[in-house]
Amino acid sequence: MEPVTPINENYTVFIDKYIISQKDNPRDNYGPFVIPNDKYFVLGDNRDESDDSRYEGFLDKDLILGKALVIYGSFDSIKNERRKEREGIK
């Protein structure tokens, strides 16, 4: 197994302070695992509420149609304000 490099995900949202055990739900404790070739593991930025690969499994490479180029309407529900620094062409 290749070494794992942590990434800074300062855009993620964690509101629920309760940690759910893996035997009950994969939301907070998932893995470790190996992603097969031609597959992708996708995560939503609102980790408490996203139905992503933790629930739906890996995404086939041939289902990816493009790359998002613009972020609009980014909203911080904790501060109740727009996150203008995230919006625009990326």
PDB file of N, CA and C in Angstrom:
ATOM      1  N   MET A   1       0.839  -1.171   0.000  1.00  0.00           N
ATOM      2  CA  MET A   1       0.000   0.000   0.000  1.00  0.00           C
ATOM      3  C   MET A   1       0.888   1.239   0.000  1.00  0.00           C
ATOM      4  N   GLU A   2       0.520   2.221  -0.847  1.00  0.00           N
ATOM      5  CA  GLU A   2       1.287   3.461  -0.919  1.00  0.00           C
ATOM      6  C   GLU A   2       1.028   4.312   0.324  1.00  0.00           C
ATOM      7  N   PRO A   3       2.014   5.145   0.694  1.00  0.00           N
ATOM      8  CA  PRO A   3       1.811   6.008   1.864  1.00  0.00           C
ATOM      9  C   PRO A   3       0.683   7.007   1.609  1.00  0.00           C
ATOM     10  N   VAL A   4      -0.002   7.363   2.670  1.00  0.00           N
ATOM     11  CA  VAL A   4      -1.106   8.309   2.588  1.00  0.00           C
ATOM     12  C   VAL A   4      -0.584   9.702   2.914  1.00  0.00           C
ATOM     13  N   THR A   5      -0.932  10.668   2.079  1.00  0.00           N
ATOM     14  CA  THR A   5      -0.549  12.046   2.311  1.00  0.00           C
ATOM     15  C   THR A   5      -1.778  12.833   2.747  1.00  0.00           C
ATOM     16  N   PRO A   6      -1.788  13.341   3.970  1.00  0.00           N
ATOM     17  CA  PRO A   6      -2.941  14.134   4.421  1.00  0.00           C
ATOM     18  C   PRO A   6      -3.096  15.400   3.584  1.00  0.00           C
ATOM     19  N   ILE A   7      -4.328  15.829   3.367  1.00  0.00           N
ATOM     20  CA  ILE A   7      -4.578  17.075   2.656  1.00  0.00           C
ATOM     21  C   ILE A   7      -5.349  18.026   3.562  1.00  0.00           C
ATOM     22  N   ASN A   8      -5.136  19.314   3.351  1.00  0.00           N
ATOM     23  CA  ASN A   8      -5.843  20.330   4.120  1.00  0.00           C
ATOM     24  C   ASN A   8      -7.202  20.557   3.468  1.00  0.00           C
ATOM     25  N   GLU A   9      -8.269  20.258   4.173  1.00  0.00           N
ATOM     26  CA  GLU A   9      -9.613  20.428   3.653  1.00  0.00           C
ATOM     27  C   GLU A   9     -10.345  21.478   4.484  1.00  0.00           C
ATOM     28  N   ASN A  10      -9.927  22.733   4.372  1.00  0.00           N
ATOM     29  CA  ASN A  10     -10.513  23.786   5.183  1.00  0.00           C
ATOM     30  C   ASN A  10     -11.931  24.155   4.758  1.00  0.00           C
ATOM     31  N   TYR A  11     -12.435  23.556   3.691  1.00  0.00           N
ATOM     32  CA  TYR A  11     -13.786  23.822   3.199  1.00  0.00           C
ATOM     33  C   TYR A  11     -14.816  22.833   3.753  1.00  0.00           C
ATOM     34  N   THR A  12     -14.388  21.804   4.440  1.00  0.00           N
ATOM     35  CA  THR A  12     -15.330  20.799   4.929  1.00  0.00           C
ATOM     36  C   THR A  12     -16.157  21.346   6.081  1.00  0.00           C
ATOM     37  N   VAL A  13     -17.344  20.778   6.235  1.00  0.00           N
ATOM     38  CA  VAL A  13     -18.263  21.215   7.280  1.00  0.00           C
ATOM     39  C   VAL A  13     -18.557  20.043   8.200  1.00  0.00           C
ATOM     40  N   PHE A  14     -18.308  20.218   9.484  1.00  0.00           N
ATOM     41  CA  PHE A  14     -18.652  19.249  10.513  1.00  0.00           C
ATOM     42  C   PHE A  14     -19.449  19.994  11.579  1.00  0.00           C
ATOM     43  N   ILE A  15     -20.755  19.784  11.628  1.00  0.00           N
ATOM     44  CA  ILE A  15     -21.599  20.470  12.606  1.00  0.00           C
ATOM     45  C   ILE A  15     -21.952  19.557  13.766  1.00  0.00           C
ATOM     46  N   ASP A  16     -22.268  18.309  13.443  1.00  0.00           N
ATOM     47  CA  ASP A  16     -22.683  17.334  14.451  1.00  0.00           C
ATOM     48  C   ASP A  16     -21.472  16.914  15.286  1.00  0.00           C
ATOM     49  N   LYS A  17     -21.488  17.188  16.565  1.00  0.00           N
ATOM     50  CA  LYS A  17     -20.353  16.846  17.438  1.00  0.00           C
ATOM     51  C   LYS A  17     -20.367  15.384  17.863  1.00  0.00           C
ATOM     52  N   TYR A  18     -21.471  14.678  17.613  1.00  0.00           N
ATOM     53  CA  TYR A  18     -21.598  13.274  17.973  1.00  0.00           C
ATOM     54  C   TYR A  18     -20.867  12.414  16.943  1.00  0.00           C
ATOM     55  N   ILE A  19     -20.027  11.499  17.405  1.00  0.00           N
ATOM     56  CA  ILE A  19     -19.308  10.579  16.524  1.00  0.00           C
ATOM     57  C   ILE A  19     -20.081   9.260  16.476  1.00  0.00           C
ATOM     58  N   ILE A  20     -20.425   8.830  15.262  1.00  0.00           N
ATOM     59  CA  ILE A  20     -21.189   7.609  15.067  1.00  0.00           C
ATOM     60  C   ILE A  20     -20.218   6.447  14.878  1.00  0.00           C
ATOM     61  N   SER A  21     -20.464   5.321  15.537  1.00  0.00           N
ATOM     62  CA  SER A  21     -19.577   4.164  15.405  1.00  0.00           C
ATOM     63  C   SER A  21     -19.711   3.546  14.023  1.00  0.00           C
ATOM     64  N   GLN A  22     -18.635   2.920  13.558  1.00  0.00           N
ATOM     65  CA  GLN A  22     -18.621   2.325  12.222  1.00  0.00           C
ATOM     66  C   GLN A  22     -19.646   1.203  12.088  1.00  0.00           C
ATOM     67  N   LYS A  23     -19.909   0.460  13.156  1.00  0.00           N
ATOM     68  CA  LYS A  23     -20.871  -0.636  13.058  1.00  0.00           C
ATOM     69  C   LYS A  23     -22.292  -0.128  12.828  1.00  0.00           C
ATOM     70  N   ASP A  24     -22.564   1.130  13.220  1.00  0.00           N
ATOM     71  CA  ASP A  24     -23.888   1.717  13.035  1.00  0.00           C
ATOM     72  C   ASP A  24     -24.024   2.502  11.735  1.00  0.00           C
ATOM     73  N   ASN A  25     -22.917   3.119  11.286  1.00  0.00           N
ATOM     74  CA  ASN A  25     -23.001   4.033  10.158  1.00  0.00           C
ATOM     75  C   ASN A  25     -21.581   4.369   9.705  1.00  0.00           C
ATOM     76  N   PRO A  26     -21.300   4.431   8.390  1.00  0.00           N
ATOM     77  CA  PRO A  26     -19.938   4.718   7.929  1.00  0.00           C
ATOM     78  C   PRO A  26     -19.564   6.196   7.917  1.00  0.00           C
ATOM     79  N   ARG A  27     -20.435   7.073   8.391  1.00  0.00           N
ATOM     80  CA  ARG A  27     -20.195   8.510   8.264  1.00  0.00           C
ATOM     81  C   ARG A  27     -18.870   8.963   8.861  1.00  0.00           C
ATOM     82  N   ASP A  28     -18.555   8.575  10.074  1.00  0.00           N
ATOM     83  CA  ASP A  28     -17.399   9.117  10.789  1.00  0.00           C
ATOM     84  C   ASP A  28     -16.193   8.189  10.843  1.00  0.00           C
ATOM     85  N   ASN A  29     -16.371   6.925  10.587  1.00  0.00           N
ATOM     86  CA  ASN A  29     -15.273   5.955  10.657  1.00  0.00           C
ATOM     87  C   ASN A  29     -15.362   5.032   9.453  1.00  0.00           C
ATOM     88  N   TYR A  30     -14.537   5.316   8.444  1.00  0.00           N
ATOM     89  CA  TYR A  30     -14.597   4.555   7.198  1.00  0.00           C
ATOM     90  C   TYR A  30     -13.186   4.213   6.764  1.00  0.00           C
ATOM     91  N   GLY A  31     -12.976   2.956   6.391  1.00  0.00           N
ATOM     92  CA  GLY A  31     -11.675   2.549   5.874  1.00  0.00           C
ATOM     93  C   GLY A  31     -10.828   1.908   6.966  1.00  0.00           C
ATOM     94  N   PRO A  32      -9.584   1.632   6.685  1.00  0.00           N
ATOM     95  CA  PRO A  32      -8.888   1.920   5.438  1.00  0.00           C
ATOM     96  C   PRO A  32      -9.326   1.001   4.302  1.00  0.00           C
ATOM     97  N   PHE A  33      -9.040   1.421   3.084  1.00  0.00           N
ATOM     98  CA  PHE A  33      -9.414   0.655   1.915  1.00  0.00           C
ATOM     99  C   PHE A  33      -8.503   1.039   0.758  1.00  0.00           C
ATOM    100  N   VAL A  34      -8.512   0.233  -0.283  1.00  0.00           N
ATOM    101  CA  VAL A  34      -7.750   0.507  -1.497  1.00  0.00           C
ATOM    102  C   VAL A  34      -8.753   0.818  -2.600  1.00  0.00           C
ATOM    103  N   ILE A  35      -8.546   1.925  -3.285  1.00  0.00           N
ATOM    104  CA  ILE A  35      -9.439   2.308  -4.379  1.00  0.00           C
ATOM    105  C   ILE A  35      -8.977   1.568  -5.629  1.00  0.00           C
ATOM    106  N   PRO A  36      -9.882   0.783  -6.242  1.00  0.00           N
ATOM    107  CA  PRO A  36      -9.507   0.038  -7.448  1.00  0.00           C
ATOM    108  C   PRO A  36      -9.174   0.969  -8.612  1.00  0.00           C
ATOM    109  N   ASN A  37      -8.389   0.464  -9.575  1.00  0.00           N
ATOM    110  CA  ASN A  37      -8.087   1.230 -10.780  1.00  0.00           C
ATOM    111  C   ASN A  37      -9.389   1.580 -11.494  1.00  0.00           C
ATOM    112  N   ASP A  38      -9.419   2.728 -12.152  1.00  0.00           N
ATOM    113  CA  ASP A  38     -10.584   3.231 -12.898  1.00  0.00           C
ATOM    114  C   ASP A  38     -11.800   3.482 -12.017  1.00  0.00           C
ATOM    115  N   LYS A  39     -11.580   3.678 -10.720  1.00  0.00           N
ATOM    116  CA  LYS A  39     -12.659   4.023  -9.784  1.00  0.00           C
ATOM    117  C   LYS A  39     -12.246   5.274  -9.023  1.00  0.00           C
ATOM    118  N   TYR A  40     -13.241   5.979  -8.490  1.00  0.00           N
ATOM    119  CA  TYR A  40     -12.988   7.169  -7.686  1.00  0.00           C
ATOM    120  C   TYR A  40     -13.794   7.089  -6.410  1.00  0.00           C
ATOM    121  N   PHE A  41     -13.226   7.628  -5.342  1.00  0.00           N
ATOM    122  CA  PHE A  41     -13.906   7.744  -4.055  1.00  0.00           C
ATOM    123  C   PHE A  41     -14.242   9.212  -3.899  1.00  0.00           C
ATOM    124  N   VAL A  42     -15.516   9.541  -3.809  1.00  0.00           N
ATOM    125  CA  VAL A  42     -15.932  10.939  -3.741  1.00  0.00           C
ATOM    126  C   VAL A  42     -16.530  11.250  -2.375  1.00  0.00           C
ATOM    127  N   LEU A  43     -16.228  12.450  -1.868  1.00  0.00           N
ATOM    128  CA  LEU A  43     -16.748  12.921  -0.588  1.00  0.00           C
ATOM    129  C   LEU A  43     -17.386  14.285  -0.778  1.00  0.00           C
ATOM    130  N   GLY A  44     -18.513  14.503  -0.126  1.00  0.00           N
ATOM    131  CA  GLY A  44     -19.120  15.822  -0.111  1.00  0.00           C
ATOM    132  C   GLY A  44     -18.423  16.704   0.904  1.00  0.00           C
ATOM    133  N   ASP A  45     -18.523  18.031   0.715  1.00  0.00           N
ATOM    134  CA  ASP A  45     -17.854  18.914   1.673  1.00  0.00           C
ATOM    135  C   ASP A  45     -18.642  19.069   2.964  1.00  0.00           C
ATOM    136  N   ASN A  46     -19.933  18.764   2.966  1.00  0.00           N
ATOM    137  CA  ASN A  46     -20.718  18.746   4.197  1.00  0.00           C
ATOM    138  C   ASN A  46     -20.725  17.295   4.685  1.00  0.00           C
ATOM    139  N   ARG A  47     -19.666  16.897   5.356  1.00  0.00           N
ATOM    140  CA  ARG A  47     -19.440  15.492   5.698  1.00  0.00           C
ATOM    141  C   ARG A  47     -20.527  14.887   6.572  1.00  0.00           C
ATOM    142  N   ASP A  48     -21.213  15.695   7.385  1.00  0.00           N
ATOM    143  CA  ASP A  48     -22.273  15.161   8.246  1.00  0.00           C
ATOM    144  C   ASP A  48     -23.512  14.757   7.443  1.00  0.00           C
ATOM    145  N   GLU A  49     -23.748  15.407   6.308  1.00  0.00           N
ATOM    146  CA  GLU A  49     -24.997  15.206   5.570  1.00  0.00           C
ATOM    147  C   GLU A  49     -24.826  14.660   4.156  1.00  0.00           C
ATOM    148  N   SER A  50     -23.609  14.432   3.695  1.00  0.00           N
ATOM    149  CA  SER A  50     -23.391  14.020   2.308  1.00  0.00           C
ATOM    150  C   SER A  50     -23.596  12.521   2.115  1.00  0.00           C
ATOM    151  N   ASP A  51     -24.411  12.170   1.123  1.00  0.00           N
ATOM    152  CA  ASP A  51     -24.531  10.774   0.691  1.00  0.00           C
ATOM    153  C   ASP A  51     -23.500  10.575  -0.406  1.00  0.00           C
ATOM    154  N   ASP A  52     -22.317  10.146  -0.022  1.00  0.00           N
ATOM    155  CA  ASP A  52     -21.200  10.063  -0.945  1.00  0.00           C
ATOM    156  C   ASP A  52     -20.681   8.628  -1.009  1.00  0.00           C
ATOM    157  N   SER A  53     -19.427   8.444  -1.354  1.00  0.00           N
ATOM    158  CA  SER A  53     -18.881   7.089  -1.520  1.00  0.00           C
ATOM    159  C   SER A  53     -18.863   6.274  -0.235  1.00  0.00           C
ATOM    160  N   ARG A  54     -18.963   6.920   0.907  1.00  0.00           N
ATOM    161  CA  ARG A  54     -19.052   6.164   2.152  1.00  0.00           C
ATOM    162  C   ARG A  54     -20.335   5.335   2.179  1.00  0.00           C
ATOM    163  N   TYR A  55     -21.347   5.784   1.477  1.00  0.00           N
ATOM    164  CA  TYR A  55     -22.641   5.099   1.430  1.00  0.00           C
ATOM    165  C   TYR A  55     -22.898   4.426   0.078  1.00  0.00           C
ATOM    166  N   GLU A  56     -22.517   5.097  -1.003  1.00  0.00           N
ATOM    167  CA  GLU A  56     -22.862   4.639  -2.352  1.00  0.00           C
ATOM    168  C   GLU A  56     -21.771   3.822  -3.024  1.00  0.00           C
ATOM    169  N   GLY A  57     -20.573   3.794  -2.439  1.00  0.00           N
ATOM    170  CA  GLY A  57     -19.476   3.033  -3.037  1.00  0.00           C
ATOM    171  C   GLY A  57     -18.664   3.871  -4.017  1.00  0.00           C
ATOM    172  N   PHE A  58     -17.741   3.224  -4.686  1.00  0.00           N
ATOM    173  CA  PHE A  58     -16.844   3.900  -5.623  1.00  0.00           C
ATOM    174  C   PHE A  58     -17.604   4.333  -6.872  1.00  0.00           C
ATOM    175  N   LEU A  59     -17.078   5.373  -7.527  1.00  0.00           N
ATOM    176  CA  LEU A  59     -17.652   5.884  -8.761  1.00  0.00           C
ATOM    177  C   LEU A  59     -16.805   5.388  -9.923  1.00  0.00           C
ATOM    178  N   ASP A  60     -17.452   4.823 -10.938  1.00  0.00           N
ATOM    179  CA  ASP A  60     -16.735   4.362 -12.126  1.00  0.00           C
ATOM    180  C   ASP A  60     -16.153   5.552 -12.877  1.00  0.00           C
ATOM    181  N   LYS A  61     -14.920   5.406 -13.342  1.00  0.00           N
ATOM    182  CA  LYS A  61     -14.237   6.485 -14.058  1.00  0.00           C
ATOM    183  C   LYS A  61     -15.036   6.938 -15.278  1.00  0.00           C
ATOM    184  N   ASP A  62     -15.675   6.016 -15.982  1.00  0.00           N
ATOM    185  CA  ASP A  62     -16.405   6.382 -17.199  1.00  0.00           C
ATOM    186  C   ASP A  62     -17.692   7.170 -16.927  1.00  0.00           C
ATOM    187  N   LEU A  63     -18.089   7.314 -15.659  1.00  0.00           N
ATOM    188  CA  LEU A  63     -19.261   8.118 -15.320  1.00  0.00           C
ATOM    189  C   LEU A  63     -18.923   9.595 -15.097  1.00  0.00           C
ATOM    190  N   ILE A  64     -17.635   9.908 -15.039  1.00  0.00           N
ATOM    191  CA  ILE A  64     -17.212  11.296 -14.852  1.00  0.00           C
ATOM    192  C   ILE A  64     -17.238  11.979 -16.206  1.00  0.00           C
ATOM    193  N   LEU A  65     -18.065  13.013 -16.315  1.00  0.00           N
ATOM    194  CA  LEU A  65     -18.281  13.679 -17.591  1.00  0.00           C
ATOM    195  C   LEU A  65     -17.478  14.954 -17.764  1.00  0.00           C
ATOM    196  N   GLY A  66     -17.001  15.528 -16.690  1.00  0.00           N
ATOM    197  CA  GLY A  66     -16.265  16.776 -16.804  1.00  0.00           C
ATOM    198  C   GLY A  66     -15.722  17.210 -15.465  1.00  0.00           C
ATOM    199  N   LYS A  67     -15.271  18.438 -15.422  1.00  0.00           N
ATOM    200  CA  LYS A  67     -14.698  19.007 -14.213  1.00  0.00           C
ATOM    201  C   LYS A  67     -15.424  20.322 -13.920  1.00  0.00           C
ATOM    202  N   ALA A  68     -15.794  20.509 -12.673  1.00  0.00           N
ATOM    203  CA  ALA A  68     -16.437  21.768 -12.293  1.00  0.00           C
ATOM    204  C   ALA A  68     -15.448  22.909 -12.457  1.00  0.00           C
ATOM    205  N   LEU A  69     -15.881  23.967 -13.106  1.00  0.00           N
ATOM    206  CA  LEU A  69     -15.008  25.106 -13.349  1.00  0.00           C
ATOM    207  C   LEU A  69     -15.411  26.335 -12.551  1.00  0.00           C
ATOM    208  N   VAL A  70     -16.652  26.371 -12.077  1.00  0.00           N
ATOM    209  CA  VAL A  70     -17.150  27.546 -11.372  1.00  0.00           C
ATOM    210  C   VAL A  70     -17.838  27.120 -10.081  1.00  0.00           C
ATOM    211  N   ILE A  71     -17.558  27.829  -9.021  1.00  0.00           N
ATOM    212  CA  ILE A  71     -18.274  27.652  -7.754  1.00  0.00           C
ATOM    213  C   ILE A  71     -19.106  28.902  -7.542  1.00  0.00           C
ATOM    214  N   TYR A  72     -20.401  28.697  -7.338  1.00  0.00           N
ATOM    215  CA  TYR A  72     -21.267  29.847  -7.063  1.00  0.00           C
ATOM    216  C   TYR A  72     -22.216  29.487  -5.925  1.00  0.00           C
ATOM    217  N   GLY A  73     -22.660  30.490  -5.234  1.00  0.00           N
ATOM    218  CA  GLY A  73     -23.615  30.271  -4.156  1.00  0.00           C
ATOM    219  C   GLY A  73     -23.051  29.535  -2.953  1.00  0.00           C
ATOM    220  N   SER A  74     -21.773  29.640  -2.665  1.00  0.00           N
ATOM    221  CA  SER A  74     -21.204  28.977  -1.499  1.00  0.00           C
ATOM    222  C   SER A  74     -21.660  29.703  -0.240  1.00  0.00           C
ATOM    223  N   PHE A  75     -22.202  28.937   0.713  1.00  0.00           N
ATOM    224  CA  PHE A  75     -22.815  29.541   1.894  1.00  0.00           C
ATOM    225  C   PHE A  75     -22.334  28.852   3.159  1.00  0.00           C
ATOM    226  N   ASP A  76     -21.947  29.625   4.144  1.00  0.00           N
ATOM    227  CA  ASP A  76     -21.532  29.116   5.448  1.00  0.00           C
ATOM    228  C   ASP A  76     -22.744  29.161   6.369  1.00  0.00           C
ATOM    229  N   SER A  77     -23.323  27.999   6.648  1.00  0.00           N
ATOM    230  CA  SER A  77     -24.547  27.957   7.455  1.00  0.00           C
ATOM    231  C   SER A  77     -24.281  28.239   8.930  1.00  0.00           C
ATOM    232  N   ILE A  78     -23.056  28.087   9.377  1.00  0.00           N
ATOM    233  CA  ILE A  78     -22.735  28.384  10.775  1.00  0.00           C
ATOM    234  C   ILE A  78     -22.662  29.905  10.979  1.00  0.00           C
ATOM    235  N   LYS A  79     -21.962  30.591  10.078  1.00  0.00           N
ATOM    236  CA  LYS A  79     -21.838  32.050  10.180  1.00  0.00           C
ATOM    237  C   LYS A  79     -23.017  32.776   9.523  1.00  0.00           C
ATOM    238  N   ASN A  80     -23.832  32.018   8.778  1.00  0.00           N
ATOM    239  CA  ASN A  80     -24.996  32.564   8.077  1.00  0.00           C
ATOM    240  C   ASN A  80     -24.590  33.673   7.098  1.00  0.00           C
ATOM    241  N   GLU A  81     -23.566  33.357   6.272  1.00  0.00           N
ATOM    242  CA  GLU A  81     -23.098  34.327   5.287  1.00  0.00           C
ATOM    243  C   GLU A  81     -22.495  33.617   4.084  1.00  0.00           C
ATOM    244  N   ARG A  82     -22.417  34.346   2.969  1.00  0.00           N
ATOM    245  CA  ARG A  82     -21.781  33.808   1.763  1.00  0.00           C
ATOM    246  C   ARG A  82     -20.281  33.656   1.991  1.00  0.00           C
ATOM    247  N   ARG A  83     -19.698  32.631   1.333  1.00  0.00           N
ATOM    248  CA  ARG A  83     -18.242  32.466   1.362  1.00  0.00           C
ATOM    249  C   ARG A  83     -17.709  32.942   0.010  1.00  0.00           C
ATOM    250  N   LYS A  84     -17.567  34.242  -0.127  1.00  0.00           N
ATOM    251  CA  LYS A  84     -17.161  34.840  -1.408  1.00  0.00           C
ATOM    252  C   LYS A  84     -15.785  34.356  -1.847  1.00  0.00           C
ATOM    253  N   GLU A  85     -14.927  34.020  -0.891  1.00  0.00           N
ATOM    254  CA  GLU A  85     -13.578  33.566  -1.257  1.00  0.00           C
ATOM    255  C   GLU A  85     -13.589  32.233  -1.989  1.00  0.00           C
ATOM    256  N   ARG A  86     -14.677  31.470  -1.883  1.00  0.00           N
ATOM    257  CA  ARG A  86     -14.782  30.178  -2.581  1.00  0.00           C
ATOM    258  C   ARG A  86     -15.426  30.311  -3.947  1.00  0.00           C
ATOM    259  N   GLU A  87     -16.122  31.401  -4.194  1.00  0.00           N
ATOM    260  CA  GLU A  87     -16.880  31.563  -5.424  1.00  0.00           C
ATOM    261  C   GLU A  87     -16.005  32.041  -6.567  1.00  0.00           C
ATOM    262  N   GLY A  88     -16.417  31.698  -7.767  1.00  0.00           N
ATOM    263  CA  GLY A  88     -15.724  32.169  -8.970  1.00  0.00           C
ATOM    264  C   GLY A  88     -15.203  31.043  -9.815  1.00  0.00           C
ATOM    265  N   ILE A  89     -14.412  31.405 -10.798  1.00  0.00           N
ATOM    266  CA  ILE A  89     -13.835  30.438 -11.736  1.00  0.00           C
ATOM    267  C   ILE A  89     -12.592  29.833 -11.105  1.00  0.00           C
ATOM    268  N   LYS A  90     -12.520  28.519 -11.133  1.00  0.00           N
ATOM    269  CA  LYS A  90     -11.395  27.802 -10.522  1.00  0.00           C
ATOM    270  C   LYS A  90     -10.494  27.208 -11.592  1.00  0.00           C
TER     271      LYS A  90
END
